[in-house]
Amino acid sequence: MIRHGRVNHFAVAASCRAKPGVWLPVGEYNSSQSAEGAIDYIRNATTKSPTQRSAWTPAKSFEARHALTEFGARVEARYVGVSADAAWSDAVDALIGGAA
């Protein structure tokens, strides 16, 4: 089994929001099954508990896909929601230290 680094979903989602419609890499997963789980997480903004936040909110505002690689499956995502989401932009600015 090849180990891949953990994905910072909040950073990737922020990058996708900064470039609406552009496919960006999320990460490489060990199998297409785990890649499909990540895709479901991205598309539906799912969380494991009601108190957990998802980087990919609101649900259905991101598209995701995967492609098989030599070592597993690479996942890519793109933002397709409304880019004028002021509340999200403020939250992202707070997470990245107000760089915008």
PDB file of N, CA and C in Angstrom:
ATOM      1  N   MET A   1       0.846  -1.181   0.000  1.00  0.00           N
ATOM      2  CA  MET A   1       0.000   0.000   0.000  1.00  0.00           C
ATOM      3  C   MET A   1       0.892   1.244   0.000  1.00  0.00           C
ATOM      4  N   ILE A   2       0.603   2.141  -0.901  1.00  0.00           N
ATOM      5  CA  ILE A   2       1.344   3.395  -0.977  1.00  0.00           C
ATOM      6  C   ILE A   2       0.595   4.442  -0.168  1.00  0.00           C
ATOM      7  N   ARG A   3       1.300   5.114   0.709  1.00  0.00           N
ATOM      8  CA  ARG A   3       0.678   6.143   1.530  1.00  0.00           C
ATOM      9  C   ARG A   3       0.803   7.492   0.831  1.00  0.00           C
ATOM     10  N   HIS A   4      -0.308   8.221   0.809  1.00  0.00           N
ATOM     11  CA  HIS A   4      -0.329   9.553   0.234  1.00  0.00           C
ATOM     12  C   HIS A   4      -0.580  10.545   1.362  1.00  0.00           C
ATOM     13  N   GLY A   5      -0.108  11.772   1.185  1.00  0.00           N
ATOM     14  CA  GLY A   5      -0.294  12.788   2.212  1.00  0.00           C
ATOM     15  C   GLY A   5      -1.759  13.137   2.428  1.00  0.00           C
ATOM     16  N   ARG A   6      -2.048  13.622   3.606  1.00  0.00           N
ATOM     17  CA  ARG A   6      -3.416  14.050   3.913  1.00  0.00           C
ATOM     18  C   ARG A   6      -3.773  15.256   3.064  1.00  0.00           C
ATOM     19  N   VAL A   7      -5.029  15.348   2.705  1.00  0.00           N
ATOM     20  CA  VAL A   7      -5.518  16.451   1.886  1.00  0.00           C
ATOM     21  C   VAL A   7      -6.075  17.543   2.797  1.00  0.00           C
ATOM     22  N   ASN A   8      -5.651  18.778   2.585  1.00  0.00           N
ATOM     23  CA  ASN A   8      -6.223  19.917   3.283  1.00  0.00           C
ATOM     24  C   ASN A   8      -7.414  20.383   2.437  1.00  0.00           C
ATOM     25  N   HIS A   9      -8.588  19.833   2.730  1.00  0.00           N
ATOM     26  CA  HIS A   9      -9.766  20.102   1.915  1.00  0.00           C
ATOM     27  C   HIS A   9     -10.165  21.579   1.940  1.00  0.00           C
ATOM     28  N   PHE A  10      -9.946  22.258   3.064  1.00  0.00           N
ATOM     29  CA  PHE A  10     -10.296  23.682   3.124  1.00  0.00           C
ATOM     30  C   PHE A  10      -9.418  24.499   2.180  1.00  0.00           C
ATOM     31  N   ALA A  11      -8.148  24.173   2.099  1.00  0.00           N
ATOM     32  CA  ALA A  11      -7.241  24.893   1.195  1.00  0.00           C
ATOM     33  C   ALA A  11      -7.584  24.605  -0.266  1.00  0.00           C
ATOM     34  N   VAL A  12      -7.871  23.347  -0.575  1.00  0.00           N
ATOM     35  CA  VAL A  12      -8.214  22.985  -1.961  1.00  0.00           C
ATOM     36  C   VAL A  12      -9.537  23.637  -2.362  1.00  0.00           C
ATOM     37  N   ALA A  13     -10.527  23.601  -1.479  1.00  0.00           N
ATOM     38  CA  ALA A  13     -11.817  24.220  -1.785  1.00  0.00           C
ATOM     39  C   ALA A  13     -11.658  25.723  -2.003  1.00  0.00           C
ATOM     40  N   ALA A  14     -10.819  26.370  -1.195  1.00  0.00           N
ATOM     41  CA  ALA A  14     -10.574  27.807  -1.362  1.00  0.00           C
ATOM     42  C   ALA A  14      -9.911  28.079  -2.711  1.00  0.00           C
ATOM     43  N   SER A  15      -8.973  27.236  -3.113  1.00  0.00           N
ATOM     44  CA  SER A  15      -8.323  27.394  -4.414  1.00  0.00           C
ATOM     45  C   SER A  15      -9.331  27.232  -5.545  1.00  0.00           C
ATOM     46  N   CYS A  16     -10.231  26.261  -5.398  1.00  0.00           N
ATOM     47  CA  CYS A  16     -11.267  26.053  -6.416  1.00  0.00           C
ATOM     48  C   CYS A  16     -12.199  27.258  -6.500  1.00  0.00           C
ATOM     49  N   ARG A  17     -12.564  27.808  -5.348  1.00  0.00           N
ATOM     50  CA  ARG A  17     -13.434  28.986  -5.349  1.00  0.00           C
ATOM     51  C   ARG A  17     -12.744  30.181  -5.998  1.00  0.00           C
ATOM     52  N   ALA A  18     -11.440  30.257  -5.854  1.00  0.00           N
ATOM     53  CA  ALA A  18     -10.685  31.369  -6.449  1.00  0.00           C
ATOM     54  C   ALA A  18     -10.588  31.246  -7.969  1.00  0.00           C
ATOM     55  N   LYS A  19     -10.801  30.033  -8.489  1.00  0.00           N
ATOM     56  CA  LYS A  19     -10.720  29.782  -9.927  1.00  0.00           C
ATOM     57  C   LYS A  19     -11.950  29.005 -10.378  1.00  0.00           C
ATOM     58  N   PRO A  20     -13.130  29.642 -10.377  1.00  0.00           N
ATOM     59  CA  PRO A  20     -14.359  28.925 -10.735  1.00  0.00           C
ATOM     60  C   PRO A  20     -14.256  28.268 -12.113  1.00  0.00           C
ATOM     61  N   GLY A  21     -14.751  27.034 -12.188  1.00  0.00           N
ATOM     62  CA  GLY A  21     -14.786  26.313 -13.458  1.00  0.00           C
ATOM     63  C   GLY A  21     -13.501  25.615 -13.854  1.00  0.00           C
ATOM     64  N   VAL A  22     -12.424  25.819 -13.099  1.00  0.00           N
ATOM     65  CA  VAL A  22     -11.126  25.220 -13.427  1.00  0.00           C
ATOM     66  C   VAL A  22     -10.932  23.957 -12.585  1.00  0.00           C
ATOM     67  N   TRP A  23     -10.595  22.840 -13.246  1.00  0.00           N
ATOM     68  CA  TRP A  23     -10.327  21.593 -12.526  1.00  0.00           C
ATOM     69  C   TRP A  23      -8.984  21.701 -11.818  1.00  0.00           C
ATOM     70  N   LEU A  24      -8.978  21.471 -10.510  1.00  0.00           N
ATOM     71  CA  LEU A  24      -7.754  21.508  -9.704  1.00  0.00           C
ATOM     72  C   LEU A  24      -7.579  20.187  -8.965  1.00  0.00           C
ATOM     73  N   PRO A  25      -6.327  19.780  -8.743  1.00  0.00           N
ATOM     74  CA  PRO A  25      -6.089  18.509  -8.048  1.00  0.00           C
ATOM     75  C   PRO A  25      -6.477  18.581  -6.578  1.00  0.00           C
ATOM     76  N   VAL A  26      -7.126  17.529  -6.114  1.00  0.00           N
ATOM     77  CA  VAL A  26      -7.473  17.401  -4.698  1.00  0.00           C
ATOM     78  C   VAL A  26      -6.444  16.507  -4.019  1.00  0.00           C
ATOM     79  N   GLY A  27      -6.192  15.341  -4.602  1.00  0.00           N
ATOM     80  CA  GLY A  27      -5.235  14.413  -4.030  1.00  0.00           C
ATOM     81  C   GLY A  27      -5.286  13.083  -4.747  1.00  0.00           C
ATOM     82  N   GLU A  28      -4.342  12.224  -4.400  1.00  0.00           N
ATOM     83  CA  GLU A  28      -4.314  10.879  -4.968  1.00  0.00           C
ATOM     84  C   GLU A  28      -4.674   9.888  -3.870  1.00  0.00           C
ATOM     85  N   TYR A  29      -5.569   8.976  -4.204  1.00  0.00           N
ATOM     86  CA  TYR A  29      -6.080   8.000  -3.258  1.00  0.00           C
ATOM     87  C   TYR A  29      -5.618   6.603  -3.673  1.00  0.00           C
ATOM     88  N   ASN A  30      -5.546   5.692  -2.697  1.00  0.00           N
ATOM     89  CA  ASN A  30      -5.014   4.357  -2.952  1.00  0.00           C
ATOM     90  C   ASN A  30      -5.879   3.499  -3.865  1.00  0.00           C
ATOM     91  N   SER A  31      -7.156   3.815  -3.968  1.00  0.00           N
ATOM     92  CA  SER A  31      -8.044   3.010  -4.806  1.00  0.00           C
ATOM     93  C   SER A  31      -9.131   3.889  -5.400  1.00  0.00           C
ATOM     94  N   SER A  32      -9.779   3.372  -6.435  1.00  0.00           N
ATOM     95  CA  SER A  32     -10.894   4.125  -7.015  1.00  0.00           C
ATOM     96  C   SER A  32     -12.060   4.182  -6.033  1.00  0.00           C
ATOM     97  N   GLN A  33     -12.175   3.183  -5.163  1.00  0.00           N
ATOM     98  CA  GLN A  33     -13.238   3.190  -4.162  1.00  0.00           C
ATOM     99  C   GLN A  33     -13.039   4.338  -3.170  1.00  0.00           C
ATOM    100  N   SER A  34     -11.829   4.544  -2.691  1.00  0.00           N
ATOM    101  CA  SER A  34     -11.596   5.653  -1.767  1.00  0.00           C
ATOM    102  C   SER A  34     -11.715   6.989  -2.499  1.00  0.00           C
ATOM    103  N   ALA A  35     -11.344   7.026  -3.766  1.00  0.00           N
ATOM    104  CA  ALA A  35     -11.513   8.245  -4.564  1.00  0.00           C
ATOM    105  C   ALA A  35     -12.998   8.576  -4.705  1.00  0.00           C
ATOM    106  N   GLU A  36     -13.834   7.553  -4.930  1.00  0.00           N
ATOM    107  CA  GLU A  36     -15.281   7.776  -5.035  1.00  0.00           C
ATOM    108  C   GLU A  36     -15.842   8.315  -3.721  1.00  0.00           C
ATOM    109  N   GLY A  37     -15.307   7.866  -2.597  1.00  0.00           N
ATOM    110  CA  GLY A  37     -15.737   8.398  -1.303  1.00  0.00           C
ATOM    111  C   GLY A  37     -15.408   9.875  -1.178  1.00  0.00           C
ATOM    112  N   ALA A  38     -14.222  10.253  -1.631  1.00  0.00           N
ATOM    113  CA  ALA A  38     -13.829  11.665  -1.598  1.00  0.00           C
ATOM    114  C   ALA A  38     -14.717  12.486  -2.530  1.00  0.00           C
ATOM    115  N   ILE A  39     -15.030  11.937  -3.689  1.00  0.00           N
ATOM    116  CA  ILE A  39     -15.897  12.628  -4.652  1.00  0.00           C
ATOM    117  C   ILE A  39     -17.283  12.865  -4.040  1.00  0.00           C
ATOM    118  N   ASP A  40     -17.823  11.865  -3.360  1.00  0.00           N
ATOM    119  CA  ASP A  40     -19.118  12.013  -2.701  1.00  0.00           C
ATOM    120  C   ASP A  40     -19.051  13.098  -1.634  1.00  0.00           C
ATOM    121  N   TYR A  41     -17.975  13.107  -0.855  1.00  0.00           N
ATOM    122  CA  TYR A  41     -17.752  14.120   0.179  1.00  0.00           C
ATOM    123  C   TYR A  41     -17.743  15.518  -0.442  1.00  0.00           C
ATOM    124  N   ILE A  42     -17.069  15.666  -1.580  1.00  0.00           N
ATOM    125  CA  ILE A  42     -16.959  16.961  -2.247  1.00  0.00           C
ATOM    126  C   ILE A  42     -18.310  17.394  -2.821  1.00  0.00           C
ATOM    127  N   ARG A  43     -18.939  16.549  -3.580  1.00  0.00           N
ATOM    128  CA  ARG A  43     -20.196  16.909  -4.258  1.00  0.00           C
ATOM    129  C   ARG A  43     -21.322  17.231  -3.282  1.00  0.00           C
ATOM    130  N   ASN A  44     -21.399  16.457  -2.206  1.00  0.00           N
ATOM    131  CA  ASN A  44     -22.527  16.583  -1.282  1.00  0.00           C
ATOM    132  C   ASN A  44     -22.192  17.315   0.008  1.00  0.00           C
ATOM    133  N   ALA A  45     -20.956  17.752   0.168  1.00  0.00           N
ATOM    134  CA  ALA A  45     -20.520  18.480   1.364  1.00  0.00           C
ATOM    135  C   ALA A  45     -20.875  17.707   2.629  1.00  0.00           C
ATOM    136  N   THR A  46     -20.658  16.390   2.588  1.00  0.00           N
ATOM    137  CA  THR A  46     -21.033  15.544   3.722  1.00  0.00           C
ATOM    138  C   THR A  46     -20.073  15.711   4.889  1.00  0.00           C
ATOM    139  N   THR A  47     -20.597  15.443   6.059  1.00  0.00           N
ATOM    140  CA  THR A  47     -19.788  15.475   7.280  1.00  0.00           C
ATOM    141  C   THR A  47     -20.103  14.227   8.097  1.00  0.00           C
ATOM    142  N   LYS A  48     -19.232  13.900   9.025  1.00  0.00           N
ATOM    143  CA  LYS A  48     -19.440  12.722   9.864  1.00  0.00           C
ATOM    144  C   LYS A  48     -20.329  13.022  11.064  1.00  0.00           C
ATOM    145  N   SER A  49     -20.422  14.289  11.439  1.00  0.00           N
ATOM    146  CA  SER A  49     -21.279  14.658  12.570  1.00  0.00           C
ATOM    147  C   SER A  49     -21.903  16.026  12.288  1.00  0.00           C
ATOM    148  N   PRO A  50     -23.000  16.331  12.955  1.00  0.00           N
ATOM    149  CA  PRO A  50     -23.686  17.605  12.722  1.00  0.00           C
ATOM    150  C   PRO A  50     -22.851  18.830  13.120  1.00  0.00           C
ATOM    151  N   THR A  51     -21.882  18.636  13.992  1.00  0.00           N
ATOM    152  CA  THR A  51     -21.065  19.772  14.431  1.00  0.00           C
ATOM    153  C   THR A  51     -19.819  19.977  13.565  1.00  0.00           C
ATOM    154  N   GLN A  52     -19.567  19.061  12.665  1.00  0.00           N
ATOM    155  CA  GLN A  52     -18.400  19.150  11.785  1.00  0.00           C
ATOM    156  C   GLN A  52     -18.721  20.047  10.590  1.00  0.00           C
ATOM    157  N   ARG A  53     -17.742  20.838  10.148  1.00  0.00           N
ATOM    158  CA  ARG A  53     -17.913  21.688   8.976  1.00  0.00           C
ATOM    159  C   ARG A  53     -17.333  20.992   7.753  1.00  0.00           C
ATOM    160  N   SER A  54     -17.928  21.236   6.600  1.00  0.00           N
ATOM    161  CA  SER A  54     -17.378  20.725   5.352  1.00  0.00           C
ATOM    162  C   SER A  54     -16.759  21.884   4.579  1.00  0.00           C
ATOM    163  N   ALA A  55     -15.615  21.634   3.993  1.00  0.00           N
ATOM    164  CA  ALA A  55     -14.957  22.642   3.169  1.00  0.00           C
ATOM    165  C   ALA A  55     -15.713  22.896   1.882  1.00  0.00           C
ATOM    166  N   TRP A  56     -16.553  21.961   1.496  1.00  0.00           N
ATOM    167  CA  TRP A  56     -17.176  21.966   0.174  1.00  0.00           C
ATOM    168  C   TRP A  56     -18.615  22.477   0.178  1.00  0.00           C
ATOM    169  N   THR A  57     -18.986  23.313   1.145  1.00  0.00           N
ATOM    170  CA  THR A  57     -20.346  23.841   1.213  1.00  0.00           C
ATOM    171  C   THR A  57     -20.528  25.019   0.281  1.00  0.00           C
ATOM    172  N   PRO A  58     -21.734  25.294  -0.168  1.00  0.00           N
ATOM    173  CA  PRO A  58     -22.908  24.451   0.013  1.00  0.00           C
ATOM    174  C   PRO A  58     -22.868  23.231  -0.892  1.00  0.00           C
ATOM    175  N   ALA A  59     -23.637  22.223  -0.537  1.00  0.00           N
ATOM    176  CA  ALA A  59     -23.696  20.995  -1.333  1.00  0.00           C
ATOM    177  C   ALA A  59     -24.039  21.322  -2.777  1.00  0.00           C
ATOM    178  N   LYS A  60     -23.463  20.579  -3.685  1.00  0.00           N
ATOM    179  CA  LYS A  60     -23.682  20.691  -5.136  1.00  0.00           C
ATOM    180  C   LYS A  60     -23.023  21.924  -5.752  1.00  0.00           C
ATOM    181  N   SER A  61     -22.188  22.653  -4.991  1.00  0.00           N
ATOM    182  CA  SER A  61     -21.515  23.815  -5.569  1.00  0.00           C
ATOM    183  C   SER A  61     -20.143  23.450  -6.151  1.00  0.00           C
ATOM    184  N   PHE A  62     -19.747  22.173  -5.989  1.00  0.00           N
ATOM    185  CA  PHE A  62     -18.498  21.681  -6.561  1.00  0.00           C
ATOM    186  C   PHE A  62     -18.774  20.423  -7.371  1.00  0.00           C
ATOM    187  N   GLU A  63     -18.022  20.240  -8.432  1.00  0.00           N
ATOM    188  CA  GLU A  63     -18.033  18.989  -9.188  1.00  0.00           C
ATOM    189  C   GLU A  63     -16.709  18.296  -8.903  1.00  0.00           C
ATOM    190  N   ALA A  64     -16.706  16.978  -8.994  1.00  0.00           N
ATOM    191  CA  ALA A  64     -15.483  16.221  -8.762  1.00  0.00           C
ATOM    192  C   ALA A  64     -15.431  15.035  -9.714  1.00  0.00           C
ATOM    193  N   ARG A  65     -14.214  14.616 -10.014  1.00  0.00           N
ATOM    194  CA  ARG A  65     -14.000  13.459 -10.893  1.00  0.00           C
ATOM    195  C   ARG A  65     -12.698  12.783 -10.481  1.00  0.00           C
ATOM    196  N   HIS A  66     -12.494  11.558 -10.969  1.00  0.00           N
ATOM    197  CA  HIS A  66     -11.221  10.889 -10.693  1.00  0.00           C
ATOM    198  C   HIS A  66     -10.712  10.213 -11.957  1.00  0.00           C
ATOM    199  N   ALA A  67      -9.411   9.995 -11.952  1.00  0.00           N
ATOM    200  CA  ALA A  67      -8.749   9.289 -13.049  1.00  0.00           C
ATOM    201  C   ALA A  67      -7.791   8.286 -12.419  1.00  0.00           C
ATOM    202  N   LEU A  68      -7.742   7.097 -12.991  1.00  0.00           N
ATOM    203  CA  LEU A  68      -6.830   6.070 -12.478  1.00  0.00           C
ATOM    204  C   LEU A  68      -5.393   6.459 -12.784  1.00  0.00           C
ATOM    205  N   THR A  69      -4.512   6.152 -11.843  1.00  0.00           N
ATOM    206  CA  THR A  69      -3.084   6.407 -11.999  1.00  0.00           C
ATOM    207  C   THR A  69      -2.337   5.107 -11.715  1.00  0.00           C
ATOM    208  N   GLU A  70      -1.047   5.154 -11.831  1.00  0.00           N
ATOM    209  CA  GLU A  70      -0.219   3.986 -11.563  1.00  0.00           C
ATOM    210  C   GLU A  70      -0.364   3.506 -10.115  1.00  0.00           C
ATOM    211  N   PHE A  71      -0.620   4.453  -9.200  1.00  0.00           N
ATOM    212  CA  PHE A  71      -0.650   4.127  -7.776  1.00  0.00           C
ATOM    213  C   PHE A  71      -2.029   4.213  -7.137  1.00  0.00           C
ATOM    214  N   GLY A  72      -3.072   4.452  -7.908  1.00  0.00           N
ATOM    215  CA  GLY A  72      -4.419   4.568  -7.336  1.00  0.00           C
ATOM    216  C   GLY A  72      -5.315   5.396  -8.224  1.00  0.00           C
ATOM    217  N   ALA A  73      -5.878   6.443  -7.641  1.00  0.00           N
ATOM    218  CA  ALA A  73      -6.794   7.308  -8.385  1.00  0.00           C
ATOM    219  C   ALA A  73      -6.598   8.756  -7.939  1.00  0.00           C
ATOM    220  N   ARG A  74      -6.450   9.645  -8.925  1.00  0.00           N
ATOM    221  CA  ARG A  74      -6.284  11.066  -8.656  1.00  0.00           C
ATOM    222  C   ARG A  74      -7.656  11.733  -8.728  1.00  0.00           C
ATOM    223  N   VAL A  75      -7.983  12.543  -7.714  1.00  0.00           N
ATOM    224  CA  VAL A  75      -9.251  13.261  -7.663  1.00  0.00           C
ATOM    225  C   VAL A  75      -9.012  14.728  -7.992  1.00  0.00           C
ATOM    226  N   GLU A  76      -9.915  15.283  -8.818  1.00  0.00           N
ATOM    227  CA  GLU A  76      -9.892  16.698  -9.155  1.00  0.00           C
ATOM    228  C   GLU A  76     -11.268  17.275  -8.847  1.00  0.00           C
ATOM    229  N   ALA A  77     -11.311  18.576  -8.567  1.00  0.00           N
ATOM    230  CA  ALA A  77     -12.585  19.232  -8.286  1.00  0.00           C
ATOM    231  C   ALA A  77     -12.590  20.616  -8.920  1.00  0.00           C
ATOM    232  N   ARG A  78     -13.805  21.121  -9.133  1.00  0.00           N
ATOM    233  CA  ARG A  78     -13.945  22.504  -9.594  1.00  0.00           C
ATOM    234  C   ARG A  78     -15.194  23.107  -8.978  1.00  0.00           C
ATOM    235  N   TYR A  79     -15.118  24.414  -8.781  1.00  0.00           N
ATOM    236  CA  TYR A  79     -16.223  25.159  -8.189  1.00  0.00           C
ATOM    237  C   TYR A  79     -17.168  25.583  -9.294  1.00  0.00           C
ATOM    238  N   VAL A  80     -18.445  25.299  -9.132  1.00  0.00           N
ATOM    239  CA  VAL A  80     -19.450  25.672 -10.130  1.00  0.00           C
ATOM    240  C   VAL A  80     -20.573  26.503  -9.519  1.00  0.00           C
ATOM    241  N   GLY A  81     -20.478  26.801  -8.233  1.00  0.00           N
ATOM    242  CA  GLY A  81     -21.512  27.580  -7.551  1.00  0.00           C
ATOM    243  C   GLY A  81     -21.367  29.060  -7.833  1.00  0.00           C
ATOM    244  N   VAL A  82     -22.165  29.832  -7.146  1.00  0.00           N
ATOM    245  CA  VAL A  82     -22.154  31.281  -7.305  1.00  0.00           C
ATOM    246  C   VAL A  82     -20.890  31.848  -6.674  1.00  0.00           C
ATOM    247  N   SER A  83     -20.149  32.655  -7.417  1.00  0.00           N
ATOM    248  CA  SER A  83     -18.883  33.192  -6.915  1.00  0.00           C
ATOM    249  C   SER A  83     -19.073  34.388  -5.989  1.00  0.00           C
ATOM    250  N   ALA A  84     -20.279  34.940  -5.900  1.00  0.00           N
ATOM    251  CA  ALA A  84     -20.525  36.120  -5.072  1.00  0.00           C
ATOM    252  C   ALA A  84     -21.026  35.737  -3.680  1.00  0.00           C
ATOM    253  N   ASP A  85     -20.499  34.710  -3.116  1.00  0.00           N
ATOM    254  CA  ASP A  85     -20.901  34.239  -1.794  1.00  0.00           C
ATOM    255  C   ASP A  85     -20.046  34.951  -0.748  1.00  0.00           C
ATOM    256  N   ALA A  86     -20.517  36.097  -0.295  1.00  0.00           N
ATOM    257  CA  ALA A  86     -19.733  36.944   0.603  1.00  0.00           C
ATOM    258  C   ALA A  86     -19.411  36.253   1.920  1.00  0.00           C
ATOM    259  N   ALA A  87     -20.366  35.495   2.473  1.00  0.00           N
ATOM    260  CA  ALA A  87     -20.124  34.829   3.757  1.00  0.00           C
ATOM    261  C   ALA A  87     -18.987  33.820   3.632  1.00  0.00           C
ATOM    262  N   TRP A  88     -18.976  33.049   2.543  1.00  0.00           N
ATOM    263  CA  TRP A  88     -17.905  32.077   2.342  1.00  0.00           C
ATOM    264  C   TRP A  88     -16.575  32.789   2.151  1.00  0.00           C
ATOM    265  N   SER A  89     -16.553  33.846   1.360  1.00  0.00           N
ATOM    266  CA  SER A  89     -15.317  34.597   1.114  1.00  0.00           C
ATOM    267  C   SER A  89     -14.745  35.122   2.424  1.00  0.00           C
ATOM    268  N   ASP A  90     -15.606  35.637   3.303  1.00  0.00           N
ATOM    269  CA  ASP A  90     -15.140  36.124   4.609  1.00  0.00           C
ATOM    270  C   ASP A  90     -14.557  34.985   5.436  1.00  0.00           C
ATOM    271  N   ALA A  91     -15.202  33.802   5.405  1.00  0.00           N
ATOM    272  CA  ALA A  91     -14.697  32.660   6.162  1.00  0.00           C
ATOM    273  C   ALA A  91     -13.359  32.189   5.621  1.00  0.00           C
ATOM    274  N   VAL A  92     -13.214  32.148   4.294  1.00  0.00           N
ATOM    275  CA  VAL A  92     -11.954  31.743   3.696  1.00  0.00           C
ATOM    276  C   VAL A  92     -10.860  32.738   4.051  1.00  0.00           C
ATOM    277  N   ASP A  93     -11.157  34.024   3.967  1.00  0.00           N
ATOM    278  CA  ASP A  93     -10.184  35.055   4.347  1.00  0.00           C
ATOM    279  C   ASP A  93      -9.709  34.850   5.787  1.00  0.00           C
ATOM    280  N   ALA A  94     -10.628  34.521   6.676  1.00  0.00           N
ATOM    281  CA  ALA A  94     -10.264  34.299   8.076  1.00  0.00           C
ATOM    282  C   ALA A  94      -9.362  33.084   8.218  1.00  0.00           C
ATOM    283  N   LEU A  95      -9.638  32.026   7.432  1.00  0.00           N
ATOM    284  CA  LEU A  95      -8.833  30.802   7.511  1.00  0.00           C
ATOM    285  C   LEU A  95      -7.418  31.012   7.006  1.00  0.00           C
ATOM    286  N   ILE A  96      -7.273  31.840   5.954  1.00  0.00           N
ATOM    287  CA  ILE A  96      -5.939  32.015   5.358  1.00  0.00           C
ATOM    288  C   ILE A  96      -5.270  33.294   5.852  1.00  0.00           C
ATOM    289  N   GLY A  97      -5.824  33.901   6.875  1.00  0.00           N
ATOM    290  CA  GLY A  97      -5.172  35.041   7.478  1.00  0.00           C
ATOM    291  C   GLY A  97      -5.460  36.378   6.807  1.00  0.00           C
ATOM    292  N   GLY A  98      -6.567  36.493   6.095  1.00  0.00           N
ATOM    293  CA  GLY A  98      -6.947  37.759   5.489  1.00  0.00           C
ATOM    294  C   GLY A  98      -6.026  38.221   4.394  1.00  0.00           C
ATOM    295  N   ALA A  99      -5.469  37.269   3.618  1.00  0.00           N
ATOM    296  CA  ALA A  99      -4.528  37.600   2.552  1.00  0.00           C
ATOM    297  C   ALA A  99      -5.199  38.301   1.381  1.00  0.00           C
ATOM    298  N   ALA A 100      -6.515  38.214   1.272  1.00  0.00           N
ATOM    299  CA  ALA A 100      -7.212  38.806   0.129  1.00  0.00           C
ATOM    300  C   ALA A 100      -7.404  40.286   0.266  1.00  0.00           C
TER     301      ALA A 100
END
